[in-house]
Amino acid sequence: MGQKIRAILFYLSIILFFILVPVILLYSFGYKLDINSLRIIKTGLIYVKSIPSGAQVYLNARFINKTTPASIEGLMPGKYKLSLELQDYYPWYQETSVGSGKSTILDNIILFSIKPHLDKINISNVDDFYVFSTDKDYAYCLSENKTAIYRTKLNPKEEEASLVCNQLLLSDNIKDFSLSLDKKKLFYFYGNRLDVIYLASDEANHQQIKGNNFFITTDRRIINAFWYSDNEHIVIMTNKDIKIYELISEGKDNIITVLNISDKHPKAFYNVAEDILYFTDVQEGLDGKLHRGLYRLDISKKSPFTFIKDLEKNIK
């Protein structure tokens, strides 16, 4: 009797061995049995990373005892509700899918603070402000009465705001401000008028330079304007033409009509590093119909003074 029991146990152990070993091996390689379909399926995983790290990870509203960055493995294919929670930060939610044998990577999650740090940069009353790519560490602030411009460091702890020009009479219809590459001049425009403002510096205060300010008028509404790379010319685009104005003559002499255009609402981008203007214009095509196209105008190969000689017939 004892021998029969031992034989039965022996054969049962062999059977269990051949059943369990494959199951264990399949599980270790990321396979699971799908109860619904009774099929063995390759599982997937979710990798989640957040800034800042240390957020608690919830899967289908259940905390899984992991914090970011975390890898959630052994997931059956399907959809999951993932959420992250971190004290003093807004929670993050997303429904995501996991494929068979696939990895779902969520590594660009940013958690935003519930109480962000707030600083007041400028103590004066500000009507508007501009930050220019040519001086991106500073803000140029218009006073509330629009009679002065202050230059202030965007990091308020480094230095006080400085007055760069005053006694201005700014219009309410200003379309845009632009700072020259040498940071010595600003222009703004509205309607068919463009004003050039010289800025005070360590070498020249606002009393010395205020008499240098002037304005340019065009016969059409100004659509856009750009500093030429030498800081002494301005490229002005209207819905009729593109012109270059010389600042030394306060825009009165050596006005060059570079190109006439037909687009009533042209779009433009100026690459000041290469003095190339990209813009839209309407021209007649081979089919006799008007078509709007994108054009490239290179005004860098010759100096503006050579343009004057070559385009003398267009000087007004």
C-alpha atoms as a PDB file:
ATOM      1  CA  MET A   1       0.000   0.000   0.000  1.00  0.00           C
ATOM      2  CA  GLY A   2       2.793   2.327   0.901  1.00  0.00           C
ATOM      3  CA  GLN A   3       4.470   1.632  -2.397  1.00  0.00           C
ATOM      4  CA  LYS A   4       1.295   2.495  -4.329  1.00  0.00           C
ATOM      5  CA  ILE A   5       0.947   5.833  -2.521  1.00  0.00           C
ATOM      6  CA  ARG A   6       4.567   6.663  -3.128  1.00  0.00           C
ATOM      7  CA  ALA A   7       4.157   5.747  -6.809  1.00  0.00           C
ATOM      8  CA  ILE A   8       1.047   7.924  -7.133  1.00  0.00           C
ATOM      9  CA  LEU A   9       2.791  10.838  -5.443  1.00  0.00           C
ATOM     10  CA  PHE A  10       5.805  10.346  -7.679  1.00  0.00           C
ATOM     11  CA  TYR A  11       3.745  10.433 -10.857  1.00  0.00           C
ATOM     12  CA  LEU A  12       1.689  13.397  -9.580  1.00  0.00           C
ATOM     13  CA  SER A  13       4.860  15.334  -8.878  1.00  0.00           C
ATOM     14  CA  ILE A  14       6.095  14.594 -12.389  1.00  0.00           C
ATOM     15  CA  ILE A  15       2.778  15.789 -13.844  1.00  0.00           C
ATOM     16  CA  LEU A  16       2.829  18.947 -11.694  1.00  0.00           C
ATOM     17  CA  PHE A  17       6.444  19.554 -12.710  1.00  0.00           C
ATOM     18  CA  PHE A  18       5.598  19.473 -16.419  1.00  0.00           C
ATOM     19  CA  ILE A  19       2.551  21.701 -15.804  1.00  0.00           C
ATOM     20  CA  LEU A  20       4.053  24.253 -13.431  1.00  0.00           C
ATOM     21  CA  VAL A  21       7.509  24.682 -14.967  1.00  0.00           C
ATOM     22  CA  PRO A  22       6.166  25.909 -18.334  1.00  0.00           C
ATOM     23  CA  VAL A  23       3.710  28.179 -16.496  1.00  0.00           C
ATOM     24  CA  ILE A  24       6.511  29.645 -14.380  1.00  0.00           C
ATOM     25  CA  LEU A  25       8.749  30.056 -17.409  1.00  0.00           C
ATOM     26  CA  LEU A  26       5.969  31.721 -19.422  1.00  0.00           C
ATOM     27  CA  TYR A  27       5.223  34.076 -16.531  1.00  0.00           C
ATOM     28  CA  SER A  28       8.905  34.977 -16.194  1.00  0.00           C
ATOM     29  CA  PHE A  29       9.007  35.835 -19.903  1.00  0.00           C
ATOM     30  CA  GLY A  30       5.975  38.095 -19.537  1.00  0.00           C
ATOM     31  CA  TYR A  31       3.129  35.783 -20.522  1.00  0.00           C
ATOM     32  CA  LYS A  32      -0.167  35.398 -18.696  1.00  0.00           C
ATOM     33  CA  LEU A  33      -3.358  33.407 -19.095  1.00  0.00           C
ATOM     34  CA  ASP A  34      -6.299  35.446 -20.304  1.00  0.00           C
ATOM     35  CA  ILE A  35      -9.186  34.100 -18.234  1.00  0.00           C
ATOM     36  CA  ASN A  36     -11.825  35.359 -20.687  1.00  0.00           C
ATOM     37  CA  SER A  37     -10.352  33.793 -23.809  1.00  0.00           C
ATOM     38  CA  LEU A  38      -8.338  31.045 -22.050  1.00  0.00           C
ATOM     39  CA  ARG A  39      -5.341  32.020 -24.168  1.00  0.00           C
ATOM     40  CA  ILE A  40      -1.782  32.715 -23.116  1.00  0.00           C
ATOM     41  CA  ILE A  41      -0.964  36.347 -23.993  1.00  0.00           C
ATOM     42  CA  LYS A  42       2.254  38.336 -23.920  1.00  0.00           C
ATOM     43  CA  THR A  43       1.889  41.155 -21.369  1.00  0.00           C
ATOM     44  CA  GLY A  44       3.012  44.777 -21.714  1.00  0.00           C
ATOM     45  CA  LEU A  45       4.269  47.491 -19.400  1.00  0.00           C
ATOM     46  CA  ILE A  46       3.892  51.190 -18.639  1.00  0.00           C
ATOM     47  CA  TYR A  47       6.917  53.327 -17.824  1.00  0.00           C
ATOM     48  CA  VAL A  48       6.060  56.632 -16.187  1.00  0.00           C
ATOM     49  CA  LYS A  49       8.378  59.508 -15.290  1.00  0.00           C
ATOM     50  CA  SER A  50       7.448  62.934 -13.918  1.00  0.00           C
ATOM     51  CA  ILE A  51       9.030  66.280 -13.139  1.00  0.00           C
ATOM     52  CA  PRO A  52       9.392  66.552 -10.204  1.00  0.00           C
ATOM     53  CA  SER A  53       9.854  62.879  -9.349  1.00  0.00           C
ATOM     54  CA  GLY A  54       8.461  61.074  -6.333  1.00  0.00           C
ATOM     55  CA  ALA A  55       4.782  61.194  -7.320  1.00  0.00           C
ATOM     56  CA  GLN A  56       2.593  58.310  -6.167  1.00  0.00           C
ATOM     57  CA  VAL A  57       1.364  56.097  -9.004  1.00  0.00           C
ATOM     58  CA  TYR A  58      -2.264  54.974  -9.170  1.00  0.00           C
ATOM     59  CA  LEU A  59      -3.508  52.389 -11.664  1.00  0.00           C
ATOM     60  CA  ASN A  60      -7.264  52.194 -12.135  1.00  0.00           C
ATOM     61  CA  ALA A  61      -7.670  54.322  -8.970  1.00  0.00           C
ATOM     62  CA  ARG A  62      -5.527  51.928  -6.888  1.00  0.00           C
ATOM     63  CA  PHE A  63      -2.165  52.906  -5.400  1.00  0.00           C
ATOM     64  CA  ILE A  64       0.394  50.332  -6.551  1.00  0.00           C
ATOM     65  CA  ASN A  65       3.089  51.192  -3.984  1.00  0.00           C
ATOM     66  CA  LYS A  66       5.329  52.872  -6.545  1.00  0.00           C
ATOM     67  CA  THR A  67       6.545  56.417  -7.069  1.00  0.00           C
ATOM     68  CA  THR A  68       7.901  58.039 -10.220  1.00  0.00           C
ATOM     69  CA  PRO A  69       9.962  57.111 -12.062  1.00  0.00           C
ATOM     70  CA  ALA A  70       8.289  53.699 -12.137  1.00  0.00           C
ATOM     71  CA  SER A  71       7.836  50.703 -14.412  1.00  0.00           C
ATOM     72  CA  ILE A  72       4.508  48.862 -14.172  1.00  0.00           C
ATOM     73  CA  GLU A  73       5.026  45.409 -15.627  1.00  0.00           C
ATOM     74  CA  GLY A  74       2.907  42.341 -16.328  1.00  0.00           C
ATOM     75  CA  LEU A  75      -0.102  44.258 -17.683  1.00  0.00           C
ATOM     76  CA  MET A  76      -2.622  42.500 -19.878  1.00  0.00           C
ATOM     77  CA  PRO A  77      -3.345  44.283 -23.190  1.00  0.00           C
ATOM     78  CA  GLY A  78      -6.068  46.887 -22.803  1.00  0.00           C
ATOM     79  CA  LYS A  79      -6.841  50.359 -21.474  1.00  0.00           C
ATOM     80  CA  TYR A  80      -5.795  51.625 -18.045  1.00  0.00           C
ATOM     81  CA  LYS A  81      -6.501  54.765 -16.046  1.00  0.00           C
ATOM     82  CA  LEU A  82      -3.233  56.140 -14.750  1.00  0.00           C
ATOM     83  CA  SER A  83      -2.894  58.977 -12.248  1.00  0.00           C
ATOM     84  CA  LEU A  84      -0.062  60.645 -10.344  1.00  0.00           C
ATOM     85  CA  GLU A  85      -0.313  62.487  -7.044  1.00  0.00           C
ATOM     86  CA  LEU A  86       2.309  64.585  -5.277  1.00  0.00           C
ATOM     87  CA  GLN A  87       1.786  66.868  -2.297  1.00  0.00           C
ATOM     88  CA  ASP A  88       1.512  70.594  -3.203  1.00  0.00           C
ATOM     89  CA  TYR A  89       1.148  69.749  -6.909  1.00  0.00           C
ATOM     90  CA  TYR A  90      -1.863  69.371  -9.155  1.00  0.00           C
ATOM     91  CA  PRO A  91      -2.712  65.705  -9.847  1.00  0.00           C
ATOM     92  CA  TRP A  92      -2.206  64.259 -13.304  1.00  0.00           C
ATOM     93  CA  TYR A  93      -4.583  61.846 -15.088  1.00  0.00           C
ATOM     94  CA  GLN A  94      -4.529  59.959 -18.347  1.00  0.00           C
ATOM     95  CA  GLU A  95      -6.163  56.930 -19.911  1.00  0.00           C
ATOM     96  CA  THR A  96      -3.555  54.940 -21.765  1.00  0.00           C
ATOM     97  CA  SER A  97      -3.396  51.703 -23.716  1.00  0.00           C
ATOM     98  CA  VAL A  98      -1.046  48.754 -23.352  1.00  0.00           C
ATOM     99  CA  GLY A  99      -0.340  46.420 -26.268  1.00  0.00           C
ATOM    100  CA  SER A 100       0.739  42.797 -26.193  1.00  0.00           C
ATOM    101  CA  GLY A 101       4.503  42.713 -25.751  1.00  0.00           C
ATOM    102  CA  LYS A 102       4.656  46.509 -25.998  1.00  0.00           C
ATOM    103  CA  SER A 103       6.008  49.229 -23.710  1.00  0.00           C
ATOM    104  CA  THR A 104       3.997  52.407 -23.201  1.00  0.00           C
ATOM    105  CA  ILE A 105       6.410  55.225 -22.328  1.00  0.00           C
ATOM    106  CA  LEU A 106       5.104  58.315 -20.511  1.00  0.00           C
ATOM    107  CA  ASP A 107       8.250  60.279 -19.716  1.00  0.00           C
ATOM    108  CA  ASN A 108       7.334  63.908 -20.390  1.00  0.00           C
ATOM    109  CA  ILE A 109       4.873  64.491 -17.560  1.00  0.00           C
ATOM    110  CA  ILE A 110       5.170  67.830 -15.774  1.00  0.00           C
ATOM    111  CA  LEU A 111       3.409  68.342 -12.448  1.00  0.00           C
ATOM    112  CA  PHE A 112       2.561  71.984 -11.764  1.00  0.00           C
ATOM    113  CA  SER A 113       2.728  73.488  -8.311  1.00  0.00           C
ATOM    114  CA  ILE A 114      -0.511  74.484  -6.566  1.00  0.00           C
ATOM    115  CA  LYS A 115       1.324  77.460  -5.059  1.00  0.00           C
ATOM    116  CA  PRO A 116       3.710  78.806  -7.732  1.00  0.00           C
ATOM    117  CA  HIS A 117       6.274  81.400  -6.694  1.00  0.00           C
ATOM    118  CA  LEU A 118       5.211  84.950  -7.589  1.00  0.00           C
ATOM    119  CA  ASP A 119       7.452  88.035  -7.800  1.00  0.00           C
ATOM    120  CA  LYS A 120       6.585  91.596  -8.728  1.00  0.00           C
ATOM    121  CA  ILE A 121       9.283  92.739 -11.121  1.00  0.00           C
ATOM    122  CA  ASN A 122       8.430  96.411 -11.497  1.00  0.00           C
ATOM    123  CA  ILE A 123       7.038  98.677  -8.758  1.00  0.00           C
ATOM    124  CA  SER A 124       5.854 101.341 -11.234  1.00  0.00           C
ATOM    125  CA  ASN A 125       2.463 101.399 -12.906  1.00  0.00           C
ATOM    126  CA  VAL A 126       2.867  99.610 -16.234  1.00  0.00           C
ATOM    127  CA  ASP A 127       0.561  99.971 -19.226  1.00  0.00           C
ATOM    128  CA  ASP A 128       2.326  97.381 -21.392  1.00  0.00           C
ATOM    129  CA  PHE A 129       5.670  95.654 -21.746  1.00  0.00           C
ATOM    130  CA  TYR A 130       7.830  94.041 -24.433  1.00  0.00           C
ATOM    131  CA  VAL A 131      10.617  91.454 -24.325  1.00  0.00           C
ATOM    132  CA  PHE A 132      12.813  91.410 -27.415  1.00  0.00           C
ATOM    133  CA  SER A 133      14.954  88.548 -28.711  1.00  0.00           C
ATOM    134  CA  THR A 134      17.859  91.012 -29.024  1.00  0.00           C
ATOM    135  CA  ASP A 135      17.726  91.772 -25.271  1.00  0.00           C
ATOM    136  CA  LYS A 136      15.811  88.839 -23.833  1.00  0.00           C
ATOM    137  CA  ASP A 137      17.007  89.295 -20.222  1.00  0.00           C
ATOM    138  CA  TYR A 138      15.159  92.614 -19.948  1.00  0.00           C
ATOM    139  CA  ALA A 139      11.601  93.894 -20.219  1.00  0.00           C
ATOM    140  CA  TYR A 140      10.825  97.286 -21.749  1.00  0.00           C
ATOM    141  CA  CYS A 141       7.848  98.682 -19.853  1.00  0.00           C
ATOM    142  CA  LEU A 142       5.553 101.501 -20.944  1.00  0.00           C
ATOM    143  CA  SER A 143       4.457 103.764 -18.127  1.00  0.00           C
ATOM    144  CA  GLU A 144       0.762 103.939 -17.341  1.00  0.00           C
ATOM    145  CA  ASN A 145       0.412 107.352 -18.977  1.00  0.00           C
ATOM    146  CA  LYS A 146       2.437 106.177 -22.012  1.00  0.00           C
ATOM    147  CA  THR A 147       5.012 108.949 -21.696  1.00  0.00           C
ATOM    148  CA  ALA A 148       8.062 106.923 -20.644  1.00  0.00           C
ATOM    149  CA  ILE A 149       9.792 103.595 -21.231  1.00  0.00           C
ATOM    150  CA  TYR A 150      11.694 101.758 -18.495  1.00  0.00           C
ATOM    151  CA  ARG A 151      14.166  98.923 -18.956  1.00  0.00           C
ATOM    152  CA  THR A 152      14.076  96.376 -16.149  1.00  0.00           C
ATOM    153  CA  LYS A 153      15.848  93.092 -15.523  1.00  0.00           C
ATOM    154  CA  LEU A 154      13.503  90.113 -15.704  1.00  0.00           C
ATOM    155  CA  ASN A 155      15.199  88.840 -12.552  1.00  0.00           C
ATOM    156  CA  PRO A 156      14.041  91.608 -10.188  1.00  0.00           C
ATOM    157  CA  LYS A 157      16.681  90.898  -7.561  1.00  0.00           C
ATOM    158  CA  GLU A 158      19.587  91.853  -9.804  1.00  0.00           C
ATOM    159  CA  GLU A 159      19.041  95.565 -10.471  1.00  0.00           C
ATOM    160  CA  GLU A 160      16.530  98.405 -10.467  1.00  0.00           C
ATOM    161  CA  ALA A 161      14.560  99.573 -13.482  1.00  0.00           C
ATOM    162  CA  SER A 162      16.210 102.338 -15.520  1.00  0.00           C
ATOM    163  CA  LEU A 163      14.529 105.093 -17.496  1.00  0.00           C
ATOM    164  CA  VAL A 164      15.547 104.851 -21.158  1.00  0.00           C
ATOM    165  CA  CYS A 165      13.273 107.531 -22.632  1.00  0.00           C
ATOM    166  CA  ASN A 166      10.559 109.899 -21.497  1.00  0.00           C
ATOM    167  CA  GLN A 167       8.421 112.856 -22.617  1.00  0.00           C
ATOM    168  CA  LEU A 168       6.761 110.590 -25.176  1.00  0.00           C
ATOM    169  CA  LEU A 169       3.282 110.921 -26.648  1.00  0.00           C
ATOM    170  CA  LEU A 170       2.433 107.365 -27.593  1.00  0.00           C
ATOM    171  CA  SER A 171      -0.656 106.522 -29.593  1.00  0.00           C
ATOM    172  CA  ASP A 172      -3.273 104.045 -28.374  1.00  0.00           C
ATOM    173  CA  ASN A 173      -3.129 102.322 -31.775  1.00  0.00           C
ATOM    174  CA  ILE A 174       0.485 101.130 -31.665  1.00  0.00           C
ATOM    175  CA  LYS A 175       0.807  97.854 -33.546  1.00  0.00           C
ATOM    176  CA  ASP A 176       4.259  96.706 -32.521  1.00  0.00           C
ATOM    177  CA  PHE A 177       7.586  97.639 -30.910  1.00  0.00           C
ATOM    178  CA  SER A 178      10.970  96.473 -32.180  1.00  0.00           C
ATOM    179  CA  LEU A 179      14.446  96.874 -30.654  1.00  0.00           C
ATOM    180  CA  SER A 180      17.530  97.340 -32.820  1.00  0.00           C
ATOM    181  CA  LEU A 181      20.344  94.799 -32.606  1.00  0.00           C
ATOM    182  CA  ASP A 182      22.644  97.341 -30.944  1.00  0.00           C
ATOM    183  CA  LYS A 183      19.925  98.007 -28.301  1.00  0.00           C
ATOM    184  CA  LYS A 184      20.176 101.754 -28.874  1.00  0.00           C
ATOM    185  CA  LYS A 185      16.904 102.371 -30.716  1.00  0.00           C
ATOM    186  CA  LEU A 186      13.272 101.325 -30.752  1.00  0.00           C
ATOM    187  CA  PHE A 187      10.619 101.763 -33.374  1.00  0.00           C
ATOM    188  CA  TYR A 188       6.872 101.348 -33.275  1.00  0.00           C
ATOM    189  CA  PHE A 189       4.258 101.936 -35.934  1.00  0.00           C
ATOM    190  CA  TYR A 190       0.571 102.523 -36.427  1.00  0.00           C
ATOM    191  CA  GLY A 191      -1.370 103.445 -39.558  1.00  0.00           C
ATOM    192  CA  ASN A 192       1.103 104.902 -42.030  1.00  0.00           C
ATOM    193  CA  ARG A 193       3.497 106.267 -39.401  1.00  0.00           C
ATOM    194  CA  LEU A 194       6.640 104.725 -37.892  1.00  0.00           C
ATOM    195  CA  ASP A 195       8.375 106.401 -34.928  1.00  0.00           C
ATOM    196  CA  VAL A 196      12.056 105.895 -34.132  1.00  0.00           C
ATOM    197  CA  ILE A 197      13.074 106.404 -30.476  1.00  0.00           C
ATOM    198  CA  TYR A 198      16.664 106.651 -29.297  1.00  0.00           C
ATOM    199  CA  LEU A 199      17.317 105.047 -25.907  1.00  0.00           C
ATOM    200  CA  ALA A 200      19.377 106.406 -23.048  1.00  0.00           C
ATOM    201  CA  SER A 201      22.478 104.456 -22.000  1.00  0.00           C
ATOM    202  CA  ASP A 202      25.583 104.861 -19.883  1.00  0.00           C
ATOM    203  CA  GLU A 203      27.042 107.072 -22.618  1.00  0.00           C
ATOM    204  CA  ALA A 204      23.947 109.178 -23.336  1.00  0.00           C
ATOM    205  CA  ASN A 205      21.087 110.057 -21.016  1.00  0.00           C
ATOM    206  CA  HIS A 206      17.501 110.616 -22.097  1.00  0.00           C
ATOM    207  CA  GLN A 207      17.897 114.399 -22.053  1.00  0.00           C
ATOM    208  CA  GLN A 208      20.747 114.192 -24.568  1.00  0.00           C
ATOM    209  CA  ILE A 209      19.063 111.858 -27.024  1.00  0.00           C
ATOM    210  CA  LYS A 210      15.415 112.924 -26.915  1.00  0.00           C
ATOM    211  CA  GLY A 211      16.005 115.405 -29.752  1.00  0.00           C
ATOM    212  CA  ASN A 212      17.110 112.562 -32.027  1.00  0.00           C
ATOM    213  CA  ASN A 213      13.655 110.981 -32.145  1.00  0.00           C
ATOM    214  CA  PHE A 214      11.753 111.290 -35.423  1.00  0.00           C
ATOM    215  CA  PHE A 215       9.007 109.612 -37.418  1.00  0.00           C
ATOM    216  CA  ILE A 216       8.576 108.282 -40.946  1.00  0.00           C
ATOM    217  CA  THR A 217       5.331 108.461 -42.893  1.00  0.00           C
ATOM    218  CA  THR A 218       4.365 106.236 -45.811  1.00  0.00           C
ATOM    219  CA  ASP A 219       1.661 106.654 -48.443  1.00  0.00           C
ATOM    220  CA  ARG A 220       0.057 103.347 -47.437  1.00  0.00           C
ATOM    221  CA  ARG A 221      -0.763 101.600 -44.176  1.00  0.00           C
ATOM    222  CA  ILE A 222       2.286  99.857 -42.695  1.00  0.00           C
ATOM    223  CA  ILE A 223       1.821  96.089 -42.459  1.00  0.00           C
ATOM    224  CA  ASN A 224       5.197  95.220 -40.952  1.00  0.00           C
ATOM    225  CA  ALA A 225       8.653  96.668 -40.347  1.00  0.00           C
ATOM    226  CA  PHE A 226      12.081  95.209 -39.571  1.00  0.00           C
ATOM    227  CA  TRP A 227      15.519  96.426 -38.536  1.00  0.00           C
ATOM    228  CA  TYR A 228      18.207  95.972 -41.159  1.00  0.00           C
ATOM    229  CA  SER A 229      21.298  94.286 -39.687  1.00  0.00           C
ATOM    230  CA  ASP A 230      23.385  97.495 -39.662  1.00  0.00           C
ATOM    231  CA  ASN A 231      20.892  99.167 -37.238  1.00  0.00           C
ATOM    232  CA  GLU A 232      20.855 102.239 -39.501  1.00  0.00           C
ATOM    233  CA  HIS A 233      18.107 101.211 -41.938  1.00  0.00           C
ATOM    234  CA  ILE A 234      14.544  99.973 -41.553  1.00  0.00           C
ATOM    235  CA  VAL A 235      12.716  97.685 -43.979  1.00  0.00           C
ATOM    236  CA  ILE A 236       9.057  98.723 -44.176  1.00  0.00           C
ATOM    237  CA  MET A 237       6.326  96.658 -45.825  1.00  0.00           C
ATOM    238  CA  THR A 238       2.976  98.127 -46.819  1.00  0.00           C
ATOM    239  CA  ASN A 239       0.210  96.463 -48.811  1.00  0.00           C
ATOM    240  CA  LYS A 240       1.697  98.141 -51.896  1.00  0.00           C
ATOM    241  CA  ASP A 241       5.484  97.818 -51.668  1.00  0.00           C
ATOM    242  CA  ILE A 242       8.635  97.022 -49.687  1.00  0.00           C
ATOM    243  CA  LYS A 243      10.974  99.934 -48.997  1.00  0.00           C
ATOM    244  CA  ILE A 244      14.259 100.571 -47.190  1.00  0.00           C
ATOM    245  CA  TYR A 245      14.550 103.791 -45.178  1.00  0.00           C
ATOM    246  CA  GLU A 246      17.836 105.363 -44.109  1.00  0.00           C
ATOM    247  CA  LEU A 247      17.893 106.634 -40.505  1.00  0.00           C
ATOM    248  CA  ILE A 248      20.760 109.108 -40.900  1.00  0.00           C
ATOM    249  CA  SER A 249      18.440 111.252 -43.007  1.00  0.00           C
ATOM    250  CA  GLU A 250      15.498 110.580 -40.668  1.00  0.00           C
ATOM    251  CA  GLY A 251      13.800 108.599 -43.405  1.00  0.00           C
ATOM    252  CA  LYS A 252      13.581 111.561 -45.766  1.00  0.00           C
ATOM    253  CA  ASP A 253      16.329 110.751 -48.265  1.00  0.00           C
ATOM    254  CA  ASN A 254      17.552 107.592 -50.003  1.00  0.00           C
ATOM    255  CA  ILE A 255      14.198 105.854 -49.754  1.00  0.00           C
ATOM    256  CA  ILE A 256      14.484 102.722 -51.858  1.00  0.00           C
ATOM    257  CA  THR A 257      11.488 100.903 -53.277  1.00  0.00           C
ATOM    258  CA  VAL A 258      12.878  97.378 -53.365  1.00  0.00           C
ATOM    259  CA  LEU A 259       9.746  95.678 -54.667  1.00  0.00           C
ATOM    260  CA  ASN A 260       6.123  96.399 -55.496  1.00  0.00           C
ATOM    261  CA  ILE A 261       3.642  93.827 -54.193  1.00  0.00           C
ATOM    262  CA  SER A 262      -0.031  93.048 -54.771  1.00  0.00           C
ATOM    263  CA  ASP A 263      -1.049  91.211 -51.608  1.00  0.00           C
ATOM    264  CA  LYS A 264      -3.436  93.401 -49.591  1.00  0.00           C
ATOM    265  CA  HIS A 265      -2.726  91.446 -46.402  1.00  0.00           C
ATOM    266  CA  PRO A 266       0.842  90.134 -46.765  1.00  0.00           C
ATOM    267  CA  LYS A 267       2.475  87.941 -44.139  1.00  0.00           C
ATOM    268  CA  ALA A 268       6.187  88.347 -43.508  1.00  0.00           C
ATOM    269  CA  PHE A 269       9.188  87.041 -41.571  1.00  0.00           C
ATOM    270  CA  TYR A 270      12.591  88.720 -41.557  1.00  0.00           C
ATOM    271  CA  ASN A 271      15.845  86.839 -40.956  1.00  0.00           C
ATOM    272  CA  VAL A 272      17.960  89.687 -39.629  1.00  0.00           C
ATOM    273  CA  ALA A 273      21.088  87.516 -39.388  1.00  0.00           C
ATOM    274  CA  GLU A 274      21.069  87.099 -43.183  1.00  0.00           C
ATOM    275  CA  ASP A 275      18.932  90.106 -44.181  1.00  0.00           C
ATOM    276  CA  ILE A 276      16.411  87.932 -46.001  1.00  0.00           C
ATOM    277  CA  LEU A 277      12.707  88.743 -46.090  1.00  0.00           C
ATOM    278  CA  TYR A 278      10.131  85.977 -46.539  1.00  0.00           C
ATOM    279  CA  PHE A 279       6.664  87.182 -47.490  1.00  0.00           C
ATOM    280  CA  THR A 280       3.452  86.348 -49.293  1.00  0.00           C
ATOM    281  CA  ASP A 281       2.336  88.037 -52.485  1.00  0.00           C
ATOM    282  CA  VAL A 282      -0.423  87.645 -55.043  1.00  0.00           C
ATOM    283  CA  GLN A 283       0.683  87.132 -58.654  1.00  0.00           C
ATOM    284  CA  GLU A 284      -1.033  86.020 -61.839  1.00  0.00           C
ATOM    285  CA  GLY A 285      -0.348  82.401 -62.766  1.00  0.00           C
ATOM    286  CA  LEU A 286      -0.132  80.675 -66.135  1.00  0.00           C
ATOM    287  CA  ASP A 287      -3.851  79.941 -65.892  1.00  0.00           C
ATOM    288  CA  GLY A 288      -4.629  83.659 -65.796  1.00  0.00           C
ATOM    289  CA  LYS A 289      -5.811  83.463 -62.198  1.00  0.00           C
ATOM    290  CA  LEU A 290      -4.342  85.194 -59.168  1.00  0.00           C
ATOM    291  CA  HIS A 291      -2.426  82.952 -56.775  1.00  0.00           C
ATOM    292  CA  ARG A 292      -0.913  83.698 -53.375  1.00  0.00           C
ATOM    293  CA  GLY A 293       2.642  82.414 -53.029  1.00  0.00           C
ATOM    294  CA  LEU A 294       5.565  82.540 -50.596  1.00  0.00           C
ATOM    295  CA  TYR A 295       8.587  84.563 -51.732  1.00  0.00           C
ATOM    296  CA  ARG A 296      12.175  85.079 -50.561  1.00  0.00           C
ATOM    297  CA  LEU A 297      13.803  88.506 -50.942  1.00  0.00           C
ATOM    298  CA  ASP A 298      17.565  88.599 -50.357  1.00  0.00           C
ATOM    299  CA  ILE A 299      18.831  92.111 -49.623  1.00  0.00           C
ATOM    300  CA  SER A 300      22.107  91.046 -48.029  1.00  0.00           C
ATOM    301  CA  LYS A 301      24.363  90.535 -51.048  1.00  0.00           C
ATOM    302  CA  LYS A 302      24.779  94.253 -51.622  1.00  0.00           C
ATOM    303  CA  SER A 303      24.974  97.136 -49.180  1.00  0.00           C
ATOM    304  CA  PRO A 304      22.039  99.550 -49.005  1.00  0.00           C
ATOM    305  CA  PHE A 305      24.245 102.152 -50.680  1.00  0.00           C
ATOM    306  CA  THR A 306      24.792  99.860 -53.669  1.00  0.00           C
ATOM    307  CA  PHE A 307      21.044  99.398 -53.779  1.00  0.00           C
ATOM    308  CA  ILE A 308      20.773 103.160 -54.131  1.00  0.00           C
ATOM    309  CA  LYS A 309      22.920 103.088 -57.266  1.00  0.00           C
ATOM    310  CA  ASP A 310      21.286 100.028 -58.764  1.00  0.00           C
ATOM    311  CA  LEU A 311      17.746 101.156 -58.042  1.00  0.00           C
ATOM    312  CA  GLU A 312      18.247 104.857 -58.583  1.00  0.00           C
ATOM    313  CA  LYS A 313      15.167 105.063 -60.748  1.00  0.00           C
ATOM    314  CA  ASN A 314      13.062 104.013 -57.739  1.00  0.00           C
ATOM    315  CA  ILE A 315      14.467 106.603 -55.314  1.00  0.00           C
ATOM    316  CA  LYS A 316      11.807 109.020 -54.140  1.00  0.00           C
END
